[in-house]
Amino acid sequence: MMNREFAVSAPNQVWCGDITYLWAQGRWCYLAAVLDLYTRRVVGWALSEHPDADLVTKALDMAFEQRGRPEGMMFHSDQGSQYDSRRFRQRLWRYRMQQSMSRRGNCWDNSPMERLFRSLKTEWVPSVGYMTRREAMQDVSYYLMERYNWISPHQFNDGLAPAVAEEKLKTVSGIS
């Protein structure tokens, strides 16, 4: 368990994940996202009609591929059944990632994810939801991978957007 120690010294050391829900096409759909705790950059996500192990595994797969298949990482989440499922734990094992889970019922143990979802829902998602699932996919993709990562200032990064902060820190530290 991370014990709310969310500061890490380099990219691809610790990722965290969680699920939230969005209204689209007259019903709930579920969003799983993965953050790299280094600069709070969204590195993977998936949207589905079901909040199941497939959803969180797809988000993890996207992150793993997007970040160049990193090794020796930790993945932190809450104790949701999706993250405790055999399918997800096997994927972590395949990717050689160590699993960390929050204490039951303690949202502060995964506060970077709560912050991401709060920003998404208060700053971006229409109050009436989305007309179609396709519209939700396109809009959420733009928000997470463009606006949140490259444009939105983040207090954790002294006002820099996560991807901008990561690029700046890579240049300073020589991390490739």
C-alpha atoms as a PDB file:
ATOM      1  CA  MET A   1       0.000   0.000   0.000  1.00  0.00           C
ATOM      2  CA  MET A   2       1.228   3.481  -0.829  1.00  0.00           C
ATOM      3  CA  ASN A   3       0.015   5.188   2.389  1.00  0.00           C
ATOM      4  CA  ARG A   4      -0.842   8.351   0.446  1.00  0.00           C
ATOM      5  CA  GLU A   5       2.787   8.799  -0.643  1.00  0.00           C
ATOM      6  CA  PHE A   6       2.031   9.929  -4.168  1.00  0.00           C
ATOM      7  CA  ALA A   7       5.301  11.689  -5.045  1.00  0.00           C
ATOM      8  CA  VAL A   8       7.589   9.588  -7.244  1.00  0.00           C
ATOM      9  CA  SER A   9      10.973  10.520  -8.695  1.00  0.00           C
ATOM     10  CA  ALA A  10      10.587   9.408 -12.329  1.00  0.00           C
ATOM     11  CA  PRO A  11       7.978   8.416 -14.898  1.00  0.00           C
ATOM     12  CA  ASN A  12       6.748   4.814 -15.012  1.00  0.00           C
ATOM     13  CA  GLN A  13       7.467   4.006 -11.372  1.00  0.00           C
ATOM     14  CA  VAL A  14       3.911   4.100 -10.013  1.00  0.00           C
ATOM     15  CA  TRP A  15       0.636   4.247 -11.876  1.00  0.00           C
ATOM     16  CA  CYS A  16      -2.772   4.430 -10.275  1.00  0.00           C
ATOM     17  CA  GLY A  17      -6.190   3.591 -11.639  1.00  0.00           C
ATOM     18  CA  ASP A  18      -9.862   3.973 -10.855  1.00  0.00           C
ATOM     19  CA  ILE A  19     -13.333   3.901 -12.416  1.00  0.00           C
ATOM     20  CA  THR A  20     -16.056   6.518 -12.632  1.00  0.00           C
ATOM     21  CA  TYR A  21     -19.363   6.691 -14.461  1.00  0.00           C
ATOM     22  CA  LEU A  22     -20.754   9.011 -17.145  1.00  0.00           C
ATOM     23  CA  TRP A  23     -24.238   9.389 -18.632  1.00  0.00           C
ATOM     24  CA  ALA A  24     -24.347   8.612 -22.357  1.00  0.00           C
ATOM     25  CA  GLN A  25     -27.134   7.581 -24.694  1.00  0.00           C
ATOM     26  CA  GLY A  26     -29.669   7.411 -21.854  1.00  0.00           C
ATOM     27  CA  ARG A  27     -27.666   5.081 -19.580  1.00  0.00           C
ATOM     28  CA  TRP A  28     -24.520   4.885 -17.491  1.00  0.00           C
ATOM     29  CA  CYS A  29     -21.206   4.056 -19.089  1.00  0.00           C
ATOM     30  CA  TYR A  30     -18.002   3.541 -17.182  1.00  0.00           C
ATOM     31  CA  LEU A  31     -14.602   5.152 -17.554  1.00  0.00           C
ATOM     32  CA  ALA A  32     -11.408   3.556 -16.261  1.00  0.00           C
ATOM     33  CA  ALA A  33      -8.298   5.720 -16.292  1.00  0.00           C
ATOM     34  CA  VAL A  34      -4.635   5.203 -15.459  1.00  0.00           C
ATOM     35  CA  LEU A  35      -2.413   8.029 -14.175  1.00  0.00           C
ATOM     36  CA  ASP A  36       1.363   8.099 -13.966  1.00  0.00           C
ATOM     37  CA  LEU A  37       1.960   9.615 -10.533  1.00  0.00           C
ATOM     38  CA  TYR A  38       5.190  11.328 -11.625  1.00  0.00           C
ATOM     39  CA  THR A  39       3.336  14.340 -13.074  1.00  0.00           C
ATOM     40  CA  ARG A  40      -0.269  13.072 -12.849  1.00  0.00           C
ATOM     41  CA  ARG A  41      -0.353  12.423 -16.595  1.00  0.00           C
ATOM     42  CA  VAL A  42      -3.176  10.252 -17.972  1.00  0.00           C
ATOM     43  CA  VAL A  43      -1.422   7.353 -19.689  1.00  0.00           C
ATOM     44  CA  GLY A  44      -4.372   5.066 -20.422  1.00  0.00           C
ATOM     45  CA  TRP A  45      -8.147   4.906 -20.365  1.00  0.00           C
ATOM     46  CA  ALA A  46     -11.107   2.868 -21.555  1.00  0.00           C
ATOM     47  CA  LEU A  47     -14.878   3.369 -21.750  1.00  0.00           C
ATOM     48  CA  SER A  48     -17.443   0.573 -21.503  1.00  0.00           C
ATOM     49  CA  GLU A  49     -21.066  -0.219 -20.715  1.00  0.00           C
ATOM     50  CA  HIS A  50     -19.853  -2.504 -17.913  1.00  0.00           C
ATOM     51  CA  PRO A  51     -17.633  -1.673 -14.914  1.00  0.00           C
ATOM     52  CA  ASP A  52     -15.796  -4.984 -15.082  1.00  0.00           C
ATOM     53  CA  ALA A  53     -12.301  -6.476 -15.224  1.00  0.00           C
ATOM     54  CA  ASP A  54     -12.218  -6.091 -19.025  1.00  0.00           C
ATOM     55  CA  LEU A  55     -12.621  -2.322 -18.639  1.00  0.00           C
ATOM     56  CA  VAL A  56      -9.715  -1.829 -16.220  1.00  0.00           C
ATOM     57  CA  THR A  57      -7.550  -4.278 -18.162  1.00  0.00           C
ATOM     58  CA  LYS A  58      -8.105  -2.320 -21.399  1.00  0.00           C
ATOM     59  CA  ALA A  59      -7.071   0.903 -19.663  1.00  0.00           C
ATOM     60  CA  LEU A  60      -3.943  -0.801 -18.300  1.00  0.00           C
ATOM     61  CA  ASP A  61      -3.126  -2.271 -21.727  1.00  0.00           C
ATOM     62  CA  MET A  62      -3.362   1.160 -23.328  1.00  0.00           C
ATOM     63  CA  ALA A  63      -1.058   2.661 -20.694  1.00  0.00           C
ATOM     64  CA  PHE A  64       1.440  -0.195 -21.001  1.00  0.00           C
ATOM     65  CA  GLU A  65       1.683   0.195 -24.785  1.00  0.00           C
ATOM     66  CA  GLN A  66       1.638   4.017 -24.788  1.00  0.00           C
ATOM     67  CA  ARG A  67       4.473   4.160 -22.275  1.00  0.00           C
ATOM     68  CA  GLY A  68       6.735   1.731 -24.107  1.00  0.00           C
ATOM     69  CA  ARG A  69       6.114  -1.408 -22.018  1.00  0.00           C
ATOM     70  CA  PRO A  70       7.883  -0.290 -18.834  1.00  0.00           C
ATOM     71  CA  GLU A  71       9.111  -2.824 -16.296  1.00  0.00           C
ATOM     72  CA  GLY A  72       9.385  -2.963 -12.511  1.00  0.00           C
ATOM     73  CA  MET A  73       6.424  -0.724 -11.788  1.00  0.00           C
ATOM     74  CA  MET A  74       3.768  -0.521  -9.107  1.00  0.00           C
ATOM     75  CA  PHE A  75       0.054  -0.200  -9.914  1.00  0.00           C
ATOM     76  CA  HIS A  76      -2.132   1.336  -7.200  1.00  0.00           C
ATOM     77  CA  SER A  77      -5.946   1.238  -7.045  1.00  0.00           C
ATOM     78  CA  ASP A  78      -8.827   0.904  -4.655  1.00  0.00           C
ATOM     79  CA  GLN A  79     -10.070  -2.527  -3.612  1.00  0.00           C
ATOM     80  CA  GLY A  80     -12.734  -2.692  -6.305  1.00  0.00           C
ATOM     81  CA  SER A  81     -13.569  -6.187  -7.526  1.00  0.00           C
ATOM     82  CA  GLN A  82     -12.296  -5.227 -10.998  1.00  0.00           C
ATOM     83  CA  TYR A  83      -8.778  -4.630  -9.670  1.00  0.00           C
ATOM     84  CA  ASP A  84      -8.891  -7.737  -7.490  1.00  0.00           C
ATOM     85  CA  SER A  85     -10.103  -9.946 -10.344  1.00  0.00           C
ATOM     86  CA  ARG A  86      -8.041 -12.831 -11.612  1.00  0.00           C
ATOM     87  CA  ARG A  87      -7.958 -11.311 -15.113  1.00  0.00           C
ATOM     88  CA  PHE A  88      -6.495  -8.008 -13.921  1.00  0.00           C
ATOM     89  CA  ARG A  89      -4.022  -9.595 -11.486  1.00  0.00           C
ATOM     90  CA  GLN A  90      -2.800 -11.909 -14.251  1.00  0.00           C
ATOM     91  CA  ARG A  91      -2.235  -8.913 -16.529  1.00  0.00           C
ATOM     92  CA  LEU A  92      -0.221  -7.179 -13.801  1.00  0.00           C
ATOM     93  CA  TRP A  93       1.827 -10.366 -13.417  1.00  0.00           C
ATOM     94  CA  ARG A  94       2.417 -10.567 -17.176  1.00  0.00           C
ATOM     95  CA  TYR A  95       3.553  -6.942 -17.204  1.00  0.00           C
ATOM     96  CA  ARG A  96       5.717  -7.588 -14.099  1.00  0.00           C
ATOM     97  CA  MET A  97       3.912  -4.941 -12.063  1.00  0.00           C
ATOM     98  CA  GLN A  98       3.486  -5.003  -8.327  1.00  0.00           C
ATOM     99  CA  GLN A  99      -0.067  -4.393  -7.073  1.00  0.00           C
ATOM    100  CA  SER A 100      -0.915  -1.902  -4.328  1.00  0.00           C
ATOM    101  CA  MET A 101      -4.437  -1.343  -3.007  1.00  0.00           C
ATOM    102  CA  SER A 102      -6.045   1.327  -0.851  1.00  0.00           C
ATOM    103  CA  ARG A 103      -7.607   0.630   2.479  1.00  0.00           C
ATOM    104  CA  ARG A 104     -11.252  -0.351   2.086  1.00  0.00           C
ATOM    105  CA  GLY A 105     -13.613   2.614   1.758  1.00  0.00           C
ATOM    106  CA  ASN A 106     -10.924   5.293   2.015  1.00  0.00           C
ATOM    107  CA  CYS A 107     -11.078   7.544  -1.053  1.00  0.00           C
ATOM    108  CA  TRP A 108      -8.081   9.604   0.129  1.00  0.00           C
ATOM    109  CA  ASP A 109      -5.859   6.597  -0.509  1.00  0.00           C
ATOM    110  CA  ASN A 110      -6.339   7.209  -4.240  1.00  0.00           C
ATOM    111  CA  SER A 111      -6.783  10.974  -4.234  1.00  0.00           C
ATOM    112  CA  PRO A 112      -4.943  11.706  -7.525  1.00  0.00           C
ATOM    113  CA  MET A 113      -7.604   9.669  -9.354  1.00  0.00           C
ATOM    114  CA  GLU A 114     -10.418  11.391  -7.451  1.00  0.00           C
ATOM    115  CA  ARG A 115      -8.933  14.752  -8.490  1.00  0.00           C
ATOM    116  CA  LEU A 116      -8.821  13.711 -12.159  1.00  0.00           C
ATOM    117  CA  PHE A 117     -12.445  12.568 -12.145  1.00  0.00           C
ATOM    118  CA  ARG A 118     -13.607  15.676 -10.283  1.00  0.00           C
ATOM    119  CA  SER A 119     -11.912  17.870 -12.904  1.00  0.00           C
ATOM    120  CA  LEU A 120     -13.421  15.864 -15.769  1.00  0.00           C
ATOM    121  CA  LYS A 121     -16.943  16.051 -14.374  1.00  0.00           C
ATOM    122  CA  THR A 122     -16.927  19.668 -13.174  1.00  0.00           C
ATOM    123  CA  GLU A 123     -14.932  21.252 -16.015  1.00  0.00           C
ATOM    124  CA  TRP A 124     -15.868  19.198 -19.037  1.00  0.00           C
ATOM    125  CA  VAL A 125     -18.674  16.620 -19.132  1.00  0.00           C
ATOM    126  CA  PRO A 126     -22.014  18.197 -20.137  1.00  0.00           C
ATOM    127  CA  SER A 127     -24.449  18.348 -17.225  1.00  0.00           C
ATOM    128  CA  VAL A 128     -26.994  16.383 -19.280  1.00  0.00           C
ATOM    129  CA  GLY A 129     -24.424  13.789 -20.347  1.00  0.00           C
ATOM    130  CA  TYR A 130     -23.736  12.728 -23.914  1.00  0.00           C
ATOM    131  CA  MET A 131     -26.219  11.988 -26.677  1.00  0.00           C
ATOM    132  CA  THR A 132     -24.258   8.962 -27.924  1.00  0.00           C
ATOM    133  CA  ARG A 133     -21.509   6.708 -26.665  1.00  0.00           C
ATOM    134  CA  ARG A 134     -19.397   7.687 -29.670  1.00  0.00           C
ATOM    135  CA  GLU A 135     -19.689  11.349 -28.668  1.00  0.00           C
ATOM    136  CA  ALA A 136     -18.649  10.417 -25.118  1.00  0.00           C
ATOM    137  CA  MET A 137     -15.618   8.468 -26.421  1.00  0.00           C
ATOM    138  CA  GLN A 138     -14.427  11.346 -28.594  1.00  0.00           C
ATOM    139  CA  ASP A 139     -15.003  14.020 -25.977  1.00  0.00           C
ATOM    140  CA  VAL A 140     -13.452  12.087 -23.086  1.00  0.00           C
ATOM    141  CA  SER A 141     -10.472  11.143 -25.260  1.00  0.00           C
ATOM    142  CA  TYR A 142      -9.880  14.790 -26.131  1.00  0.00           C
ATOM    143  CA  TYR A 143     -10.212  15.888 -22.499  1.00  0.00           C
ATOM    144  CA  LEU A 144      -7.900  13.240 -21.025  1.00  0.00           C
ATOM    145  CA  MET A 145      -5.193  12.996 -23.669  1.00  0.00           C
ATOM    146  CA  GLU A 146      -5.122  16.613 -24.891  1.00  0.00           C
ATOM    147  CA  ARG A 147      -6.729  19.109 -22.545  1.00  0.00           C
ATOM    148  CA  TYR A 148      -5.887  17.524 -19.169  1.00  0.00           C
ATOM    149  CA  ASN A 149      -2.429  16.286 -20.194  1.00  0.00           C
ATOM    150  CA  TRP A 150      -1.223  19.208 -22.319  1.00  0.00           C
ATOM    151  CA  ILE A 151      -3.305  22.320 -21.499  1.00  0.00           C
ATOM    152  CA  SER A 152      -4.856  22.312 -18.013  1.00  0.00           C
ATOM    153  CA  PRO A 153      -2.579  23.708 -15.323  1.00  0.00           C
ATOM    154  CA  HIS A 154      -2.056  21.346 -12.404  1.00  0.00           C
ATOM    155  CA  GLN A 155      -1.252  22.528  -8.898  1.00  0.00           C
ATOM    156  CA  PHE A 156       0.969  19.475  -8.298  1.00  0.00           C
ATOM    157  CA  ASN A 157       3.218  20.588 -11.189  1.00  0.00           C
ATOM    158  CA  ASP A 158       3.475  24.245 -10.086  1.00  0.00           C
ATOM    159  CA  GLY A 159       0.855  25.244 -12.634  1.00  0.00           C
ATOM    160  CA  LEU A 160       2.132  23.214 -15.577  1.00  0.00           C
ATOM    161  CA  ALA A 161      -0.018  20.675 -17.388  1.00  0.00           C
ATOM    162  CA  PRO A 162       1.093  17.087 -16.656  1.00  0.00           C
ATOM    163  CA  ALA A 163       2.623  16.270 -20.059  1.00  0.00           C
ATOM    164  CA  VAL A 164       4.332  19.668 -20.237  1.00  0.00           C
ATOM    165  CA  ALA A 165       5.791  19.147 -16.755  1.00  0.00           C
ATOM    166  CA  GLU A 166       6.961  15.661 -17.721  1.00  0.00           C
ATOM    167  CA  GLU A 167       8.697  16.948 -20.851  1.00  0.00           C
ATOM    168  CA  LYS A 168      10.369  19.726 -18.855  1.00  0.00           C
ATOM    169  CA  LEU A 169      11.507  17.326 -16.121  1.00  0.00           C
ATOM    170  CA  LYS A 170      12.862  14.861 -18.708  1.00  0.00           C
ATOM    171  CA  THR A 171      14.965  17.641 -20.229  1.00  0.00           C
ATOM    172  CA  VAL A 172      16.297  18.746 -16.821  1.00  0.00           C
ATOM    173  CA  SER A 173      17.022  15.229 -15.520  1.00  0.00           C
ATOM    174  CA  GLY A 174      18.102  13.599 -18.759  1.00  0.00           C
ATOM    175  CA  ILE A 175      15.448  10.858 -18.439  1.00  0.00           C
ATOM    176  CA  SER A 176      14.667   9.371 -21.832  1.00  0.00           C
END
